[in-house]
């Protein structure tokens, strides 16, 4: 499904997040974040944290069990560990985003790709997802204990005949998009390092376009609110938080 074009009057800011980079920022309740895989083959690791009470974070187990799913796509929401909805997926051209595989670490990147330090490669150095997310978390007074399970947008994982998880090569094509509407004031932490199961023997991360624009809170007929019975309760919990 293609996403509607963004009205320039509603666009607040946009930027290209380079390949193998990381960033973090606040999203206000009601605003939307559109993510675009510019070249195809991107992986965007994401953490979501209640900006106003940072002990409340995205909870992967509750998100999956409450919505009876293994992956995320349009209609699903991301729950916090307090049973509230941090953000909703209001648009998606792919149909599958990984929720269970986490991020790479320094040892994995070294073993798989070798060494490419800042001293030798400058901004083309090899980065790993774990350290990238920790760098951003520390900017907001957070640390290792806040590094919970993340979402990997644009990545699909399948189960092989041997029962092992496998990365689906070629899942995200150039121009693939996913759109998030934020139901709470949320700290968003992002990394474009390669997916930990990506079989590519070469370190070749991809950039992602970020676009933030004004939105509005959902009404009672909203698709994400009614996608699962549990979601309606999650939205009610969220709305009570802002009374």
C-alpha atoms as a PDB file:
ATOM      1  CA  UNK A   1       0.000   0.000   0.000  1.00  0.00           C
ATOM      2  CA  UNK A   2       1.378   3.416  -0.932  1.00  0.00           C
ATOM      3  CA  UNK A   3       1.252   6.226   1.621  1.00  0.00           C
ATOM      4  CA  UNK A   4      -0.408   9.564   0.926  1.00  0.00           C
ATOM      5  CA  UNK A   5       1.873  12.494   0.140  1.00  0.00           C
ATOM      6  CA  UNK A   6       2.813  14.827   2.973  1.00  0.00           C
ATOM      7  CA  UNK A   7       1.373  18.342   2.872  1.00  0.00           C
ATOM      8  CA  UNK A   8       4.315  20.759   2.887  1.00  0.00           C
ATOM      9  CA  UNK A   9       2.476  22.963   5.375  1.00  0.00           C
ATOM     10  CA  UNK A  10       2.410  20.066   7.845  1.00  0.00           C
ATOM     11  CA  UNK A  11       6.043  19.025   7.368  1.00  0.00           C
ATOM     12  CA  UNK A  12       8.049  20.015  10.449  1.00  0.00           C
ATOM     13  CA  UNK A  13      11.457  18.700   9.446  1.00  0.00           C
ATOM     14  CA  UNK A  14      13.191  16.037   7.401  1.00  0.00           C
ATOM     15  CA  UNK A  15      16.696  14.649   7.183  1.00  0.00           C
ATOM     16  CA  UNK A  16      18.624  11.721   5.787  1.00  0.00           C
ATOM     17  CA  UNK A  17      19.992   9.437   8.473  1.00  0.00           C
ATOM     18  CA  UNK A  18      23.227   8.173   6.879  1.00  0.00           C
ATOM     19  CA  UNK A  19      24.131   4.515   6.573  1.00  0.00           C
ATOM     20  CA  UNK A  20      25.626   3.111   9.761  1.00  0.00           C
ATOM     21  CA  UNK A  21      24.653   6.200  11.774  1.00  0.00           C
ATOM     22  CA  UNK A  22      22.494   6.934  14.805  1.00  0.00           C
ATOM     23  CA  UNK A  23      20.264   9.709  16.126  1.00  0.00           C
ATOM     24  CA  UNK A  24      17.634  10.486  18.769  1.00  0.00           C
ATOM     25  CA  UNK A  25      14.886  13.076  19.180  1.00  0.00           C
ATOM     26  CA  UNK A  26      11.525  13.783  20.805  1.00  0.00           C
ATOM     27  CA  UNK A  27       8.245  13.162  19.047  1.00  0.00           C
ATOM     28  CA  UNK A  28       5.212  15.037  20.363  1.00  0.00           C
ATOM     29  CA  UNK A  29       1.904  13.267  20.927  1.00  0.00           C
ATOM     30  CA  UNK A  30      -0.151  13.341  17.722  1.00  0.00           C
ATOM     31  CA  UNK A  31       2.721  14.005  15.311  1.00  0.00           C
ATOM     32  CA  UNK A  32       3.854  11.465  12.737  1.00  0.00           C
ATOM     33  CA  UNK A  33       7.189  10.079  11.652  1.00  0.00           C
ATOM     34  CA  UNK A  34       7.571   8.682   8.149  1.00  0.00           C
ATOM     35  CA  UNK A  35      10.534   6.392   7.463  1.00  0.00           C
ATOM     36  CA  UNK A  36      11.701   5.747   3.902  1.00  0.00           C
ATOM     37  CA  UNK A  37      14.264   3.156   2.816  1.00  0.00           C
ATOM     38  CA  UNK A  38      15.957   5.324   0.198  1.00  0.00           C
ATOM     39  CA  UNK A  39      18.139   2.695  -1.500  1.00  0.00           C
ATOM     40  CA  UNK A  40      16.577  -0.620  -0.454  1.00  0.00           C
ATOM     41  CA  UNK A  41      17.974  -3.114   2.019  1.00  0.00           C
ATOM     42  CA  UNK A  42      17.954  -0.780   5.025  1.00  0.00           C
ATOM     43  CA  UNK A  43      17.633  -1.808   8.644  1.00  0.00           C
ATOM     44  CA  UNK A  44      16.468   0.773  11.167  1.00  0.00           C
ATOM     45  CA  UNK A  45      16.742  -0.275  14.806  1.00  0.00           C
ATOM     46  CA  UNK A  46      14.365   1.755  16.973  1.00  0.00           C
ATOM     47  CA  UNK A  47      13.759   2.256  20.688  1.00  0.00           C
ATOM     48  CA  UNK A  48      10.742   4.133  22.078  1.00  0.00           C
ATOM     49  CA  UNK A  49      10.726   5.712  25.558  1.00  0.00           C
ATOM     50  CA  UNK A  50       8.160   7.880  27.355  1.00  0.00           C
ATOM     51  CA  UNK A  51       9.820  11.290  27.126  1.00  0.00           C
ATOM     52  CA  UNK A  52       8.136  12.579  30.298  1.00  0.00           C
ATOM     53  CA  UNK A  53       8.829   9.479  32.456  1.00  0.00           C
ATOM     54  CA  UNK A  54      11.835   7.674  31.042  1.00  0.00           C
ATOM     55  CA  UNK A  55      11.501   4.568  33.159  1.00  0.00           C
ATOM     56  CA  UNK A  56       8.564   3.665  30.848  1.00  0.00           C
ATOM     57  CA  UNK A  57       9.849   1.974  27.708  1.00  0.00           C
ATOM     58  CA  UNK A  58       8.691  -0.020  24.673  1.00  0.00           C
ATOM     59  CA  UNK A  59       7.847  -3.559  25.754  1.00  0.00           C
ATOM     60  CA  UNK A  60       8.335  -6.165  23.070  1.00  0.00           C
ATOM     61  CA  UNK A  61       6.658  -9.141  24.852  1.00  0.00           C
ATOM     62  CA  UNK A  62       3.493  -7.187  25.672  1.00  0.00           C
ATOM     63  CA  UNK A  63       3.365  -5.707  22.168  1.00  0.00           C
ATOM     64  CA  UNK A  64       3.469  -9.166  20.587  1.00  0.00           C
ATOM     65  CA  UNK A  65       1.238 -11.129  22.953  1.00  0.00           C
ATOM     66  CA  UNK A  66      -1.443  -8.428  23.194  1.00  0.00           C
ATOM     67  CA  UNK A  67      -1.778  -8.359  19.405  1.00  0.00           C
ATOM     68  CA  UNK A  68      -1.147 -12.068  18.745  1.00  0.00           C
ATOM     69  CA  UNK A  69       1.733 -11.448  16.361  1.00  0.00           C
ATOM     70  CA  UNK A  70       5.426 -12.082  15.702  1.00  0.00           C
ATOM     71  CA  UNK A  71       5.989  -9.031  13.517  1.00  0.00           C
ATOM     72  CA  UNK A  72       4.669  -5.486  13.071  1.00  0.00           C
ATOM     73  CA  UNK A  73       2.855  -3.818  10.195  1.00  0.00           C
ATOM     74  CA  UNK A  74       0.006  -1.354   9.601  1.00  0.00           C
ATOM     75  CA  UNK A  75      -2.647  -1.453  12.311  1.00  0.00           C
ATOM     76  CA  UNK A  76      -0.370  -2.697  15.084  1.00  0.00           C
ATOM     77  CA  UNK A  77       0.816  -0.493  17.930  1.00  0.00           C
ATOM     78  CA  UNK A  78       3.910  -0.413  20.149  1.00  0.00           C
ATOM     79  CA  UNK A  79       3.019  -0.884  23.805  1.00  0.00           C
ATOM     80  CA  UNK A  80       4.968   0.395  26.787  1.00  0.00           C
ATOM     81  CA  UNK A  81       5.608  -1.663  29.916  1.00  0.00           C
ATOM     82  CA  UNK A  82       2.733   0.273  31.528  1.00  0.00           C
ATOM     83  CA  UNK A  83       0.121  -0.953  29.049  1.00  0.00           C
ATOM     84  CA  UNK A  84      -0.004   2.357  27.176  1.00  0.00           C
ATOM     85  CA  UNK A  85       0.473   2.947  23.448  1.00  0.00           C
ATOM     86  CA  UNK A  86       3.669   4.796  22.582  1.00  0.00           C
ATOM     87  CA  UNK A  87       3.060   4.832  18.831  1.00  0.00           C
ATOM     88  CA  UNK A  88       0.855   3.294  16.151  1.00  0.00           C
ATOM     89  CA  UNK A  89       1.769   2.053  12.682  1.00  0.00           C
ATOM     90  CA  UNK A  90      -0.615   3.996  10.458  1.00  0.00           C
ATOM     91  CA  UNK A  91       0.957   3.146   7.109  1.00  0.00           C
ATOM     92  CA  UNK A  92       3.266   0.467   5.728  1.00  0.00           C
ATOM     93  CA  UNK A  93       4.270  -0.636   2.238  1.00  0.00           C
ATOM     94  CA  UNK A  94       6.142  -3.781   3.343  1.00  0.00           C
ATOM     95  CA  UNK A  95       3.864  -5.757   5.651  1.00  0.00           C
ATOM     96  CA  UNK A  96       6.579  -7.081   7.959  1.00  0.00           C
ATOM     97  CA  UNK A  97       9.041  -5.520  10.421  1.00  0.00           C
ATOM     98  CA  UNK A  98      11.236  -7.587  12.757  1.00  0.00           C
ATOM     99  CA  UNK A  99      10.597  -7.469  16.506  1.00  0.00           C
ATOM    100  CA  UNK A 100      12.776 -10.209  18.023  1.00  0.00           C
ATOM    101  CA  UNK A 101      16.343 -10.182  16.711  1.00  0.00           C
ATOM    102  CA  UNK A 102      17.819  -7.173  18.517  1.00  0.00           C
ATOM    103  CA  UNK A 103      20.962  -5.429  17.299  1.00  0.00           C
ATOM    104  CA  UNK A 104      24.571  -6.299  16.489  1.00  0.00           C
ATOM    105  CA  UNK A 105      27.368  -5.733  18.990  1.00  0.00           C
ATOM    106  CA  UNK A 106      31.071  -4.926  18.640  1.00  0.00           C
ATOM    107  CA  UNK A 107      32.223  -8.552  18.830  1.00  0.00           C
ATOM    108  CA  UNK A 108      29.812  -9.641  16.106  1.00  0.00           C
ATOM    109  CA  UNK A 109      30.795  -6.806  13.764  1.00  0.00           C
ATOM    110  CA  UNK A 110      34.503  -7.534  14.302  1.00  0.00           C
ATOM    111  CA  UNK A 111      34.067 -11.250  13.629  1.00  0.00           C
ATOM    112  CA  UNK A 112      31.877 -10.727  10.568  1.00  0.00           C
ATOM    113  CA  UNK A 113      33.355  -7.656   8.877  1.00  0.00           C
ATOM    114  CA  UNK A 114      36.785  -7.081  10.381  1.00  0.00           C
ATOM    115  CA  UNK A 115      38.130  -3.772  11.634  1.00  0.00           C
ATOM    116  CA  UNK A 116      37.532  -0.303  10.203  1.00  0.00           C
ATOM    117  CA  UNK A 117      38.175   2.319  12.857  1.00  0.00           C
ATOM    118  CA  UNK A 118      37.586   6.058  12.819  1.00  0.00           C
ATOM    119  CA  UNK A 119      41.347   6.576  12.640  1.00  0.00           C
ATOM    120  CA  UNK A 120      41.519   4.702   9.334  1.00  0.00           C
ATOM    121  CA  UNK A 121      38.035   5.143   7.817  1.00  0.00           C
ATOM    122  CA  UNK A 122      36.665   8.323   9.465  1.00  0.00           C
ATOM    123  CA  UNK A 123      32.859   8.421   9.108  1.00  0.00           C
ATOM    124  CA  UNK A 124      32.954   5.183   7.110  1.00  0.00           C
ATOM    125  CA  UNK A 125      34.061   3.289  10.223  1.00  0.00           C
ATOM    126  CA  UNK A 126      32.262   0.071  11.119  1.00  0.00           C
ATOM    127  CA  UNK A 127      29.654   0.723  13.808  1.00  0.00           C
ATOM    128  CA  UNK A 128      27.467  -1.737  15.662  1.00  0.00           C
ATOM    129  CA  UNK A 129      23.858  -1.324  16.725  1.00  0.00           C
ATOM    130  CA  UNK A 130      24.330  -1.813  20.459  1.00  0.00           C
ATOM    131  CA  UNK A 131      26.985   0.860  20.904  1.00  0.00           C
ATOM    132  CA  UNK A 132      25.128   3.199  18.546  1.00  0.00           C
ATOM    133  CA  UNK A 133      21.959   3.026  20.626  1.00  0.00           C
ATOM    134  CA  UNK A 134      23.912   3.394  23.881  1.00  0.00           C
ATOM    135  CA  UNK A 135      25.599   6.556  22.598  1.00  0.00           C
ATOM    136  CA  UNK A 136      22.194   8.097  21.935  1.00  0.00           C
ATOM    137  CA  UNK A 137      20.687   6.916  25.223  1.00  0.00           C
ATOM    138  CA  UNK A 138      23.522   8.502  27.175  1.00  0.00           C
ATOM    139  CA  UNK A 139      22.683  11.877  25.634  1.00  0.00           C
ATOM    140  CA  UNK A 140      19.395  11.745  27.554  1.00  0.00           C
ATOM    141  CA  UNK A 141      20.763  10.517  30.878  1.00  0.00           C
ATOM    142  CA  UNK A 142      20.009   6.861  30.112  1.00  0.00           C
ATOM    143  CA  UNK A 143      22.278   3.831  29.846  1.00  0.00           C
ATOM    144  CA  UNK A 144      22.659   0.055  29.589  1.00  0.00           C
ATOM    145  CA  UNK A 145      19.659  -0.769  31.752  1.00  0.00           C
ATOM    146  CA  UNK A 146      17.490   1.182  29.305  1.00  0.00           C
ATOM    147  CA  UNK A 147      18.647  -0.839  26.292  1.00  0.00           C
ATOM    148  CA  UNK A 148      15.581  -3.047  25.921  1.00  0.00           C
ATOM    149  CA  UNK A 149      14.400  -5.131  22.966  1.00  0.00           C
ATOM    150  CA  UNK A 150      14.010  -2.966  19.868  1.00  0.00           C
ATOM    151  CA  UNK A 151      12.104  -2.939  16.587  1.00  0.00           C
ATOM    152  CA  UNK A 152      14.029  -3.465  13.335  1.00  0.00           C
ATOM    153  CA  UNK A 153      12.109  -1.589  10.663  1.00  0.00           C
ATOM    154  CA  UNK A 154      12.491  -2.728   7.027  1.00  0.00           C
ATOM    155  CA  UNK A 155      13.791  -6.178   8.064  1.00  0.00           C
ATOM    156  CA  UNK A 156      11.934  -9.470   7.768  1.00  0.00           C
ATOM    157  CA  UNK A 157      12.823 -12.689   9.561  1.00  0.00           C
ATOM    158  CA  UNK A 158      11.586 -16.116   8.511  1.00  0.00           C
ATOM    159  CA  UNK A 159      11.926 -19.541  10.111  1.00  0.00           C
ATOM    160  CA  UNK A 160      13.948 -22.014   8.063  1.00  0.00           C
ATOM    161  CA  UNK A 161      13.280 -25.724   7.716  1.00  0.00           C
ATOM    162  CA  UNK A 162      15.855 -26.318  10.452  1.00  0.00           C
ATOM    163  CA  UNK A 163      13.872 -24.136  12.832  1.00  0.00           C
ATOM    164  CA  UNK A 164      16.428 -21.327  12.895  1.00  0.00           C
ATOM    165  CA  UNK A 165      15.629 -17.688  12.225  1.00  0.00           C
ATOM    166  CA  UNK A 166      16.794 -16.415   8.842  1.00  0.00           C
ATOM    167  CA  UNK A 167      17.086 -12.920   7.389  1.00  0.00           C
ATOM    168  CA  UNK A 168      14.886 -12.370   4.323  1.00  0.00           C
ATOM    169  CA  UNK A 169      17.234 -10.894   1.705  1.00  0.00           C
ATOM    170  CA  UNK A 170      15.639  -8.347  -0.639  1.00  0.00           C
ATOM    171  CA  UNK A 171      12.592  -7.721   1.547  1.00  0.00           C
ATOM    172  CA  UNK A 172      12.783  -3.916   1.499  1.00  0.00           C
ATOM    173  CA  UNK A 173      13.062  -2.283  -1.922  1.00  0.00           C
ATOM    174  CA  UNK A 174      14.017   1.343  -2.681  1.00  0.00           C
ATOM    175  CA  UNK A 175      11.204   3.647  -1.581  1.00  0.00           C
ATOM    176  CA  UNK A 176       9.691   1.290   1.001  1.00  0.00           C
ATOM    177  CA  UNK A 177       7.949   3.267   3.727  1.00  0.00           C
ATOM    178  CA  UNK A 178       6.450   2.914   7.181  1.00  0.00           C
ATOM    179  CA  UNK A 179       4.634   5.643   9.102  1.00  0.00           C
ATOM    180  CA  UNK A 180       4.275   6.014  12.868  1.00  0.00           C
ATOM    181  CA  UNK A 181       1.786   8.169  14.746  1.00  0.00           C
ATOM    182  CA  UNK A 182       2.867   8.953  18.293  1.00  0.00           C
ATOM    183  CA  UNK A 183       0.264   8.578  21.004  1.00  0.00           C
ATOM    184  CA  UNK A 184       2.606   9.803  23.759  1.00  0.00           C
ATOM    185  CA  UNK A 185       5.457  12.302  23.963  1.00  0.00           C
ATOM    186  CA  UNK A 186       8.178   9.866  22.993  1.00  0.00           C
ATOM    187  CA  UNK A 187      11.951   9.754  22.920  1.00  0.00           C
ATOM    188  CA  UNK A 188      12.910   7.999  19.681  1.00  0.00           C
ATOM    189  CA  UNK A 189      16.358   6.390  19.378  1.00  0.00           C
ATOM    190  CA  UNK A 190      17.477   5.115  15.954  1.00  0.00           C
ATOM    191  CA  UNK A 191      20.405   3.279  14.352  1.00  0.00           C
ATOM    192  CA  UNK A 192      20.970   2.310  10.712  1.00  0.00           C
ATOM    193  CA  UNK A 193      23.581  -0.368  11.418  1.00  0.00           C
ATOM    194  CA  UNK A 194      23.083  -3.700   9.588  1.00  0.00           C
ATOM    195  CA  UNK A 195      20.658  -6.253  10.977  1.00  0.00           C
ATOM    196  CA  UNK A 196      22.456  -8.863  13.133  1.00  0.00           C
ATOM    197  CA  UNK A 197      21.288 -11.725  10.868  1.00  0.00           C
ATOM    198  CA  UNK A 198      22.045 -10.009   7.549  1.00  0.00           C
ATOM    199  CA  UNK A 199      24.118 -12.600   5.632  1.00  0.00           C
ATOM    200  CA  UNK A 200      25.943  -9.985   3.528  1.00  0.00           C
ATOM    201  CA  UNK A 201      29.672 -10.599   4.197  1.00  0.00           C
ATOM    202  CA  UNK A 202      30.426  -6.933   3.477  1.00  0.00           C
ATOM    203  CA  UNK A 203      29.596  -4.024   5.787  1.00  0.00           C
ATOM    204  CA  UNK A 204      27.054  -2.190   3.627  1.00  0.00           C
ATOM    205  CA  UNK A 205      24.413  -0.401   5.751  1.00  0.00           C
ATOM    206  CA  UNK A 206      21.837   1.803   4.038  1.00  0.00           C
ATOM    207  CA  UNK A 207      20.467   5.296   4.765  1.00  0.00           C
ATOM    208  CA  UNK A 208      16.906   6.089   5.832  1.00  0.00           C
ATOM    209  CA  UNK A 209      14.945   9.288   5.187  1.00  0.00           C
ATOM    210  CA  UNK A 210      13.188  10.700   8.254  1.00  0.00           C
ATOM    211  CA  UNK A 211      10.179  13.025   7.838  1.00  0.00           C
ATOM    212  CA  UNK A 212       8.225  14.458  10.765  1.00  0.00           C
ATOM    213  CA  UNK A 213       4.900  16.184  10.238  1.00  0.00           C
ATOM    214  CA  UNK A 214       1.922  17.408  12.203  1.00  0.00           C
ATOM    215  CA  UNK A 215      -0.878  15.022  12.921  1.00  0.00           C
ATOM    216  CA  UNK A 216      -3.829  14.587  15.244  1.00  0.00           C
ATOM    217  CA  UNK A 217      -4.944  12.168  17.922  1.00  0.00           C
ATOM    218  CA  UNK A 218      -7.059   9.226  16.702  1.00  0.00           C
ATOM    219  CA  UNK A 219     -10.836   9.192  16.851  1.00  0.00           C
ATOM    220  CA  UNK A 220     -13.012   6.271  17.949  1.00  0.00           C
ATOM    221  CA  UNK A 221     -13.060   4.791  14.429  1.00  0.00           C
ATOM    222  CA  UNK A 222      -9.274   4.723  14.108  1.00  0.00           C
ATOM    223  CA  UNK A 223      -7.907   1.539  12.493  1.00  0.00           C
ATOM    224  CA  UNK A 224      -5.126   1.026  15.025  1.00  0.00           C
ATOM    225  CA  UNK A 225      -7.481   1.565  17.967  1.00  0.00           C
ATOM    226  CA  UNK A 226      -9.843  -1.111  16.649  1.00  0.00           C
ATOM    227  CA  UNK A 227      -7.293  -3.473  15.095  1.00  0.00           C
ATOM    228  CA  UNK A 228      -7.388  -5.701  18.198  1.00  0.00           C
ATOM    229  CA  UNK A 229      -9.709  -5.608  21.242  1.00  0.00           C
ATOM    230  CA  UNK A 230      -6.621  -5.128  23.427  1.00  0.00           C
ATOM    231  CA  UNK A 231      -5.665  -2.002  21.467  1.00  0.00           C
ATOM    232  CA  UNK A 232      -8.859  -0.228  22.472  1.00  0.00           C
ATOM    233  CA  UNK A 233      -7.942  -0.743  26.131  1.00  0.00           C
ATOM    234  CA  UNK A 234      -4.391   0.414  25.435  1.00  0.00           C
ATOM    235  CA  UNK A 235      -5.645   3.654  23.898  1.00  0.00           C
ATOM    236  CA  UNK A 236      -7.978   4.204  26.847  1.00  0.00           C
ATOM    237  CA  UNK A 237      -5.036   3.762  29.256  1.00  0.00           C
ATOM    238  CA  UNK A 238      -3.028   6.242  27.207  1.00  0.00           C
ATOM    239  CA  UNK A 239      -5.763   8.851  27.046  1.00  0.00           C
ATOM    240  CA  UNK A 240      -6.339   8.671  30.814  1.00  0.00           C
ATOM    241  CA  UNK A 241      -2.633   9.392  31.286  1.00  0.00           C
ATOM    242  CA  UNK A 242      -3.123  12.760  29.572  1.00  0.00           C
ATOM    243  CA  UNK A 243      -6.316  13.830  31.365  1.00  0.00           C
END
